């Protein structure tokens, strides 16, 4: 467990998918979530709705992973 604030980690994850979990110490998972979100976000520009849904799911997983880190 870390002395980092759960609220700050969740706030970071809310605005930048995956970086909240990186903030608390799981750098590899945070970078993977962030990179996936960025790639799918770029793909959603060209391919539309399906990648937008995937971006939302990646964001939701990033929030969940950050929250579960503190449990």
PDB file of N, CA and C in Angstrom:
ATOM      1  N   UNK A   1       0.860  -1.181   0.000  1.00  0.00           N
ATOM      2  CA  UNK A   1       0.000   0.000   0.000  1.00  0.00           C
ATOM      3  C   UNK A   1       0.898   1.235   0.000  1.00  0.00           C
ATOM      4  N   UNK A   2       0.389   2.261  -0.547  1.00  0.00           N
ATOM      5  CA  UNK A   2       1.159   3.497  -0.674  1.00  0.00           C
ATOM      6  C   UNK A   2       0.495   4.619   0.116  1.00  0.00           C
ATOM      7  N   UNK A   3       1.224   5.686   0.324  1.00  0.00           N
ATOM      8  CA  UNK A   3       0.663   6.826   1.043  1.00  0.00           C
ATOM      9  C   UNK A   3       0.020   7.831   0.082  1.00  0.00           C
ATOM     10  N   UNK A   4      -0.144   7.462  -1.166  1.00  0.00           N
ATOM     11  CA  UNK A   4      -0.773   8.333  -2.154  1.00  0.00           C
ATOM     12  C   UNK A   4      -2.279   8.401  -1.905  1.00  0.00           C
ATOM     13  N   UNK A   5      -2.872   9.522  -2.243  1.00  0.00           N
ATOM     14  CA  UNK A   5      -4.287   9.749  -2.006  1.00  0.00           C
ATOM     15  C   UNK A   5      -5.159   9.038  -3.048  1.00  0.00           C
ATOM     16  N   UNK A   6      -6.160   8.313  -2.548  1.00  0.00           N
ATOM     17  CA  UNK A   6      -7.088   7.626  -3.452  1.00  0.00           C
ATOM     18  C   UNK A   6      -7.863   8.630  -4.290  1.00  0.00           C
ATOM     19  N   UNK A   7      -8.269   9.743  -3.683  1.00  0.00           N
ATOM     20  CA  UNK A   7      -9.053  10.746  -4.406  1.00  0.00           C
ATOM     21  C   UNK A   7      -8.258  11.375  -5.542  1.00  0.00           C
ATOM     22  N   UNK A   8      -6.987  11.670  -5.291  1.00  0.00           N
ATOM     23  CA  UNK A   8      -6.147  12.252  -6.348  1.00  0.00           C
ATOM     24  C   UNK A   8      -5.925  11.239  -7.462  1.00  0.00           C
ATOM     25  N   UNK A   9      -5.676   9.989  -7.099  1.00  0.00           N
ATOM     26  CA  UNK A   9      -5.469   8.946  -8.105  1.00  0.00           C
ATOM     27  C   UNK A   9      -6.711   8.777  -8.972  1.00  0.00           C
ATOM     28  N   UNK A  10      -7.892   8.775  -8.356  1.00  0.00           N
ATOM     29  CA  UNK A  10      -9.128   8.637  -9.123  1.00  0.00           C
ATOM     30  C   UNK A  10      -9.386   9.866  -9.993  1.00  0.00           C
ATOM     31  N   UNK A  11      -9.049  11.037  -9.499  1.00  0.00           N
ATOM     32  CA  UNK A  11      -9.209  12.256 -10.286  1.00  0.00           C
ATOM     33  C   UNK A  11      -8.299  12.241 -11.515  1.00  0.00           C
ATOM     34  N   UNK A  12      -7.062  11.798 -11.338  1.00  0.00           N
ATOM     35  CA  UNK A  12      -6.144  11.687 -12.473  1.00  0.00           C
ATOM     36  C   UNK A  12      -6.695  10.672 -13.476  1.00  0.00           C
ATOM     37  N   UNK A  13      -7.169   9.541 -12.977  1.00  0.00           N
ATOM     38  CA  UNK A  13      -7.730   8.514 -13.866  1.00  0.00           C
ATOM     39  C   UNK A  13      -8.976   8.990 -14.584  1.00  0.00           C
ATOM     40  N   UNK A  14      -9.748   9.849 -13.945  1.00  0.00           N
ATOM     41  CA  UNK A  14     -10.958  10.371 -14.577  1.00  0.00           C
ATOM     42  C   UNK A  14     -10.619  11.177 -15.826  1.00  0.00           C
ATOM     43  N   UNK A  15      -9.572  11.979 -15.746  1.00  0.00           N
ATOM     44  CA  UNK A  15      -9.221  12.842 -16.871  1.00  0.00           C
ATOM     45  C   UNK A  15      -8.249  12.193 -17.854  1.00  0.00           C
ATOM     46  N   UNK A  16      -7.379  11.331 -17.385  1.00  0.00           N
ATOM     47  CA  UNK A  16      -6.396  10.666 -18.246  1.00  0.00           C
ATOM     48  C   UNK A  16      -6.397   9.179 -17.927  1.00  0.00           C
ATOM     49  N   UNK A  17      -7.074   8.419 -18.752  1.00  0.00           N
ATOM     50  CA  UNK A  17      -7.261   6.988 -18.499  1.00  0.00           C
ATOM     51  C   UNK A  17      -5.936   6.288 -18.235  1.00  0.00           C
ATOM     52  N   UNK A  18      -5.873   5.595 -17.116  1.00  0.00           N
ATOM     53  CA  UNK A  18      -4.713   4.782 -16.794  1.00  0.00           C
ATOM     54  C   UNK A  18      -3.632   5.481 -16.003  1.00  0.00           C
ATOM     55  N   UNK A  19      -3.579   6.790 -16.030  1.00  0.00           N
ATOM     56  CA  UNK A  19      -2.485   7.464 -15.354  1.00  0.00           C
ATOM     57  C   UNK A  19      -2.673   7.517 -13.842  1.00  0.00           C
ATOM     58  N   UNK A  20      -3.887   7.304 -13.374  1.00  0.00           N
ATOM     59  CA  UNK A  20      -4.113   7.221 -11.933  1.00  0.00           C
ATOM     60  C   UNK A  20      -3.458   5.986 -11.345  1.00  0.00           C
ATOM     61  N   UNK A  21      -3.550   4.872 -12.038  1.00  0.00           N
ATOM     62  CA  UNK A  21      -2.915   3.640 -11.559  1.00  0.00           C
ATOM     63  C   UNK A  21      -1.392   3.751 -11.670  1.00  0.00           C
ATOM     64  N   UNK A  22      -0.918   4.485 -12.667  1.00  0.00           N
ATOM     65  CA  UNK A  22       0.524   4.737 -12.768  1.00  0.00           C
ATOM     66  C   UNK A  22       0.984   5.629 -11.613  1.00  0.00           C
ATOM     67  N   UNK A  23       0.151   6.580 -11.234  1.00  0.00           N
ATOM     68  CA  UNK A  23       0.456   7.486 -10.126  1.00  0.00           C
ATOM     69  C   UNK A  23       0.664   6.736  -8.819  1.00  0.00           C
ATOM     70  N   UNK A  24      -0.116   5.699  -8.593  1.00  0.00           N
ATOM     71  CA  UNK A  24       0.015   4.954  -7.339  1.00  0.00           C
ATOM     72  C   UNK A  24       1.089   3.873  -7.389  1.00  0.00           C
ATOM     73  N   UNK A  25       1.671   3.632  -8.562  1.00  0.00           N
ATOM     74  CA  UNK A  25       2.816   2.740  -8.597  1.00  0.00           C
ATOM     75  C   UNK A  25       2.825   1.645  -9.634  1.00  0.00           C
ATOM     76  N   UNK A  26       1.709   1.341 -10.259  1.00  0.00           N
ATOM     77  CA  UNK A  26       1.691   0.277 -11.277  1.00  0.00           C
ATOM     78  C   UNK A  26       1.903   0.910 -12.656  1.00  0.00           C
ATOM     79  N   UNK A  27       3.146   1.226 -12.927  1.00  0.00           N
ATOM     80  CA  UNK A  27       3.499   1.991 -14.129  1.00  0.00           C
ATOM     81  C   UNK A  27       3.162   1.219 -15.411  1.00  0.00           C
ATOM     82  N   UNK A  28       3.476  -0.066 -15.454  1.00  0.00           N
ATOM     83  CA  UNK A  28       3.234  -0.845 -16.675  1.00  0.00           C
ATOM     84  C   UNK A  28       1.748  -0.912 -17.021  1.00  0.00           C
ATOM     85  N   UNK A  29       0.913  -1.204 -16.040  1.00  0.00           N
ATOM     86  CA  UNK A  29      -0.526  -1.278 -16.290  1.00  0.00           C
ATOM     87  C   UNK A  29      -1.061   0.095 -16.681  1.00  0.00           C
ATOM     88  N   UNK A  30      -0.615   1.132 -15.993  1.00  0.00           N
ATOM     89  CA  UNK A  30      -1.058   2.487 -16.308  1.00  0.00           C
ATOM     90  C   UNK A  30      -0.674   2.902 -17.713  1.00  0.00           C
ATOM     91  N   UNK A  31       0.554   2.603 -18.109  1.00  0.00           N
ATOM     92  CA  UNK A  31       1.006   2.955 -19.457  1.00  0.00           C
ATOM     93  C   UNK A  31       0.241   2.170 -20.517  1.00  0.00           C
ATOM     94  N   UNK A  32      -0.051   0.903 -20.234  1.00  0.00           N
ATOM     95  CA  UNK A  32      -0.803   0.087 -21.196  1.00  0.00           C
ATOM     96  C   UNK A  32      -2.226   0.601 -21.366  1.00  0.00           C
ATOM     97  N   UNK A  33      -2.871   0.963 -20.270  1.00  0.00           N
ATOM     98  CA  UNK A  33      -4.236   1.493 -20.350  1.00  0.00           C
ATOM     99  C   UNK A  33      -4.235   2.827 -21.087  1.00  0.00           C
ATOM    100  N   UNK A  34      -3.285   3.690 -20.751  1.00  0.00           N
ATOM    101  CA  UNK A  34      -3.205   5.000 -21.392  1.00  0.00           C
ATOM    102  C   UNK A  34      -2.938   4.868 -22.898  1.00  0.00           C
ATOM    103  N   UNK A  35      -1.981   4.030 -23.262  1.00  0.00           N
ATOM    104  CA  UNK A  35      -1.658   3.843 -24.680  1.00  0.00           C
ATOM    105  C   UNK A  35      -2.846   3.259 -25.440  1.00  0.00           C
ATOM    106  N   UNK A  36      -3.535   2.303 -24.835  1.00  0.00           N
ATOM    107  CA  UNK A  36      -4.712   1.714 -25.477  1.00  0.00           C
ATOM    108  C   UNK A  36      -5.797   2.762 -25.699  1.00  0.00           C
ATOM    109  N   UNK A  37      -5.997   3.604 -24.707  1.00  0.00           N
ATOM    110  CA  UNK A  37      -7.016   4.652 -24.830  1.00  0.00           C
ATOM    111  C   UNK A  37      -6.660   5.638 -25.934  1.00  0.00           C
ATOM    112  N   UNK A  38      -5.398   6.028 -26.006  1.00  0.00           N
ATOM    113  CA  UNK A  38      -4.972   6.979 -27.040  1.00  0.00           C
ATOM    114  C   UNK A  38      -5.121   6.369 -28.431  1.00  0.00           C
ATOM    115  N   UNK A  39      -4.682   5.142 -28.594  1.00  0.00           N
ATOM    116  CA  UNK A  39      -4.774   4.483 -29.905  1.00  0.00           C
ATOM    117  C   UNK A  39      -6.235   4.331 -30.331  1.00  0.00           C
ATOM    118  N   UNK A  40      -7.073   3.854 -29.434  1.00  0.00           N
ATOM    119  CA  UNK A  40      -8.491   3.686 -29.779  1.00  0.00           C
ATOM    120  C   UNK A  40      -9.173   5.028 -30.019  1.00  0.00           C
ATOM    121  N   UNK A  41      -8.749   6.056 -29.292  1.00  0.00           N
ATOM    122  CA  UNK A  41      -9.288   7.388 -29.526  1.00  0.00           C
ATOM    123  C   UNK A  41      -8.958   7.871 -30.933  1.00  0.00           C
ATOM    124  N   UNK A  42      -7.730   7.651 -31.359  1.00  0.00           N
ATOM    125  CA  UNK A  42      -7.341   8.031 -32.723  1.00  0.00           C
ATOM    126  C   UNK A  42      -8.097   7.206 -33.765  1.00  0.00           C
ATOM    127  N   UNK A  43      -8.262   5.918 -33.498  1.00  0.00           N
ATOM    128  CA  UNK A  43      -9.000   5.069 -34.431  1.00  0.00           C
ATOM    129  C   UNK A  43     -10.479   5.449 -34.496  1.00  0.00           C
ATOM    130  N   UNK A  44     -11.014   5.972 -33.401  1.00  0.00           N
ATOM    131  CA  UNK A  44     -12.428   6.356 -33.406  1.00  0.00           C
ATOM    132  C   UNK A  44     -12.693   7.541 -34.329  1.00  0.00           C
ATOM    133  N   UNK A  45     -11.674   8.325 -34.601  1.00  0.00           N
ATOM    134  CA  UNK A  45     -11.826   9.444 -35.543  1.00  0.00           C
ATOM    135  C   UNK A  45     -12.156   8.905 -36.928  1.00  0.00           C
ATOM    136  N   UNK A  46     -11.519   7.813 -37.304  1.00  0.00           N
ATOM    137  CA  UNK A  46     -11.695   7.272 -38.649  1.00  0.00           C
ATOM    138  C   UNK A  46     -12.780   6.198 -38.729  1.00  0.00           C
ATOM    139  N   UNK A  47     -12.933   5.414 -37.678  1.00  0.00           N
ATOM    140  CA  UNK A  47     -13.829   4.270 -37.753  1.00  0.00           C
ATOM    141  C   UNK A  47     -15.101   4.419 -36.928  1.00  0.00           C
ATOM    142  N   UNK A  48     -15.217   5.476 -36.171  1.00  0.00           N
ATOM    143  CA  UNK A  48     -16.479   5.813 -35.539  1.00  0.00           C
ATOM    144  C   UNK A  48     -16.815   5.134 -34.232  1.00  0.00           C
ATOM    145  N   UNK A  49     -18.081   4.777 -34.134  1.00  0.00           N
ATOM    146  CA  UNK A  49     -18.711   4.418 -32.875  1.00  0.00           C
ATOM    147  C   UNK A  49     -18.067   3.247 -32.142  1.00  0.00           C
ATOM    148  N   UNK A  50     -17.671   2.216 -32.828  1.00  0.00           N
ATOM    149  CA  UNK A  50     -17.156   1.027 -32.145  1.00  0.00           C
ATOM    150  C   UNK A  50     -15.913   1.354 -31.325  1.00  0.00           C
ATOM    151  N   UNK A  51     -15.014   2.158 -31.870  1.00  0.00           N
ATOM    152  CA  UNK A  51     -13.811   2.511 -31.115  1.00  0.00           C
ATOM    153  C   UNK A  51     -14.122   3.520 -30.022  1.00  0.00           C
ATOM    154  N   UNK A  52     -15.149   4.328 -30.208  1.00  0.00           N
ATOM    155  CA  UNK A  52     -15.576   5.242 -29.138  1.00  0.00           C
ATOM    156  C   UNK A  52     -16.082   4.442 -27.942  1.00  0.00           C
ATOM    157  N   UNK A  53     -16.797   3.372 -28.197  1.00  0.00           N
ATOM    158  CA  UNK A  53     -17.280   2.502 -27.126  1.00  0.00           C
ATOM    159  C   UNK A  53     -16.099   1.824 -26.427  1.00  0.00           C
ATOM    160  N   UNK A  54     -15.128   1.387 -27.212  1.00  0.00           N
ATOM    161  CA  UNK A  54     -13.941   0.747 -26.638  1.00  0.00           C
ATOM    162  C   UNK A  54     -13.165   1.731 -25.773  1.00  0.00           C
ATOM    163  N   UNK A  55     -13.067   2.993 -26.205  1.00  0.00           N
ATOM    164  CA  UNK A  55     -12.392   4.021 -25.403  1.00  0.00           C
ATOM    165  C   UNK A  55     -13.100   4.183 -24.064  1.00  0.00           C
ATOM    166  N   UNK A  56     -14.427   4.205 -24.093  1.00  0.00           N
ATOM    167  CA  UNK A  56     -15.180   4.320 -22.842  1.00  0.00           C
ATOM    168  C   UNK A  56     -14.906   3.130 -21.926  1.00  0.00           C
ATOM    169  N   UNK A  57     -14.876   1.934 -22.491  1.00  0.00           N
ATOM    170  CA  UNK A  57     -14.621   0.734 -21.679  1.00  0.00           C
ATOM    171  C   UNK A  57     -13.212   0.751 -21.094  1.00  0.00           C
ATOM    172  N   UNK A  58     -12.242   1.216 -21.862  1.00  0.00           N
ATOM    173  CA  UNK A  58     -10.870   1.326 -21.358  1.00  0.00           C
ATOM    174  C   UNK A  58     -10.813   2.348 -20.224  1.00  0.00           C
ATOM    175  N   UNK A  59     -11.500   3.473 -20.405  1.00  0.00           N
ATOM    176  CA  UNK A  59     -11.550   4.501 -19.357  1.00  0.00           C
ATOM    177  C   UNK A  59     -12.179   3.930 -18.086  1.00  0.00           C
ATOM    178  N   UNK A  60     -13.284   3.203 -18.242  1.00  0.00           N
ATOM    179  CA  UNK A  60     -13.969   2.622 -17.085  1.00  0.00           C
ATOM    180  C   UNK A  60     -13.070   1.608 -16.384  1.00  0.00           C
ATOM    181  N   UNK A  61     -12.337   0.809 -17.150  1.00  0.00           N
ATOM    182  CA  UNK A  61     -11.426  -0.153 -16.541  1.00  0.00           C
ATOM    183  C   UNK A  61     -10.298   0.565 -15.796  1.00  0.00           C
ATOM    184  N   UNK A  62      -9.807   1.648 -16.350  1.00  0.00           N
ATOM    185  CA  UNK A  62      -8.763   2.424 -15.677  1.00  0.00           C
ATOM    186  C   UNK A  62      -9.241   2.961 -14.339  1.00  0.00           C
ATOM    187  N   UNK A  63     -10.477   3.439 -14.299  1.00  0.00           N
ATOM    188  CA  UNK A  63     -11.060   3.920 -13.044  1.00  0.00           C
ATOM    189  C   UNK A  63     -11.208   2.762 -12.051  1.00  0.00           C
ATOM    190  N   UNK A  64     -11.691   1.632 -12.531  1.00  0.00           N
ATOM    191  CA  UNK A  64     -11.879   0.449 -11.685  1.00  0.00           C
ATOM    192  C   UNK A  64     -10.549  -0.042 -11.127  1.00  0.00           C
ATOM    193  N   UNK A  65      -9.534  -0.148 -11.987  1.00  0.00           N
ATOM    194  CA  UNK A  65      -8.228  -0.628 -11.548  1.00  0.00           C
ATOM    195  C   UNK A  65      -7.630   0.302 -10.505  1.00  0.00           C
ATOM    196  N   UNK A  66      -7.803   1.595 -10.692  1.00  0.00           N
ATOM    197  CA  UNK A  66      -7.304   2.557  -9.718  1.00  0.00           C
ATOM    198  C   UNK A  66      -8.027   2.405  -8.389  1.00  0.00           C
ATOM    199  N   UNK A  67      -9.338   2.292  -8.437  1.00  0.00           N
ATOM    200  CA  UNK A  67     -10.129   2.132  -7.216  1.00  0.00           C
ATOM    201  C   UNK A  67      -9.754   0.835  -6.489  1.00  0.00           C
ATOM    202  N   UNK A  68      -9.619  -0.248  -7.234  1.00  0.00           N
ATOM    203  CA  UNK A  68      -9.330  -1.546  -6.627  1.00  0.00           C
ATOM    204  C   UNK A  68      -7.918  -1.596  -6.025  1.00  0.00           C
ATOM    205  N   UNK A  69      -7.027  -0.748  -6.482  1.00  0.00           N
ATOM    206  CA  UNK A  69      -5.678  -0.725  -5.916  1.00  0.00           C
ATOM    207  C   UNK A  69      -5.723  -0.423  -4.421  1.00  0.00           C
ATOM    208  N   UNK A  70      -6.695   0.368  -4.005  1.00  0.00           N
ATOM    209  CA  UNK A  70      -6.790   0.790  -2.618  1.00  0.00           C
ATOM    210  C   UNK A  70      -7.620  -0.153  -1.752  1.00  0.00           C
ATOM    211  N   UNK A  71      -8.159  -1.205  -2.327  1.00  0.00           N
ATOM    212  CA  UNK A  71      -8.983  -2.143  -1.552  1.00  0.00           C
ATOM    213  C   UNK A  71      -8.160  -3.206  -0.883  1.00  0.00           C
TER     214      UNK A  71
END
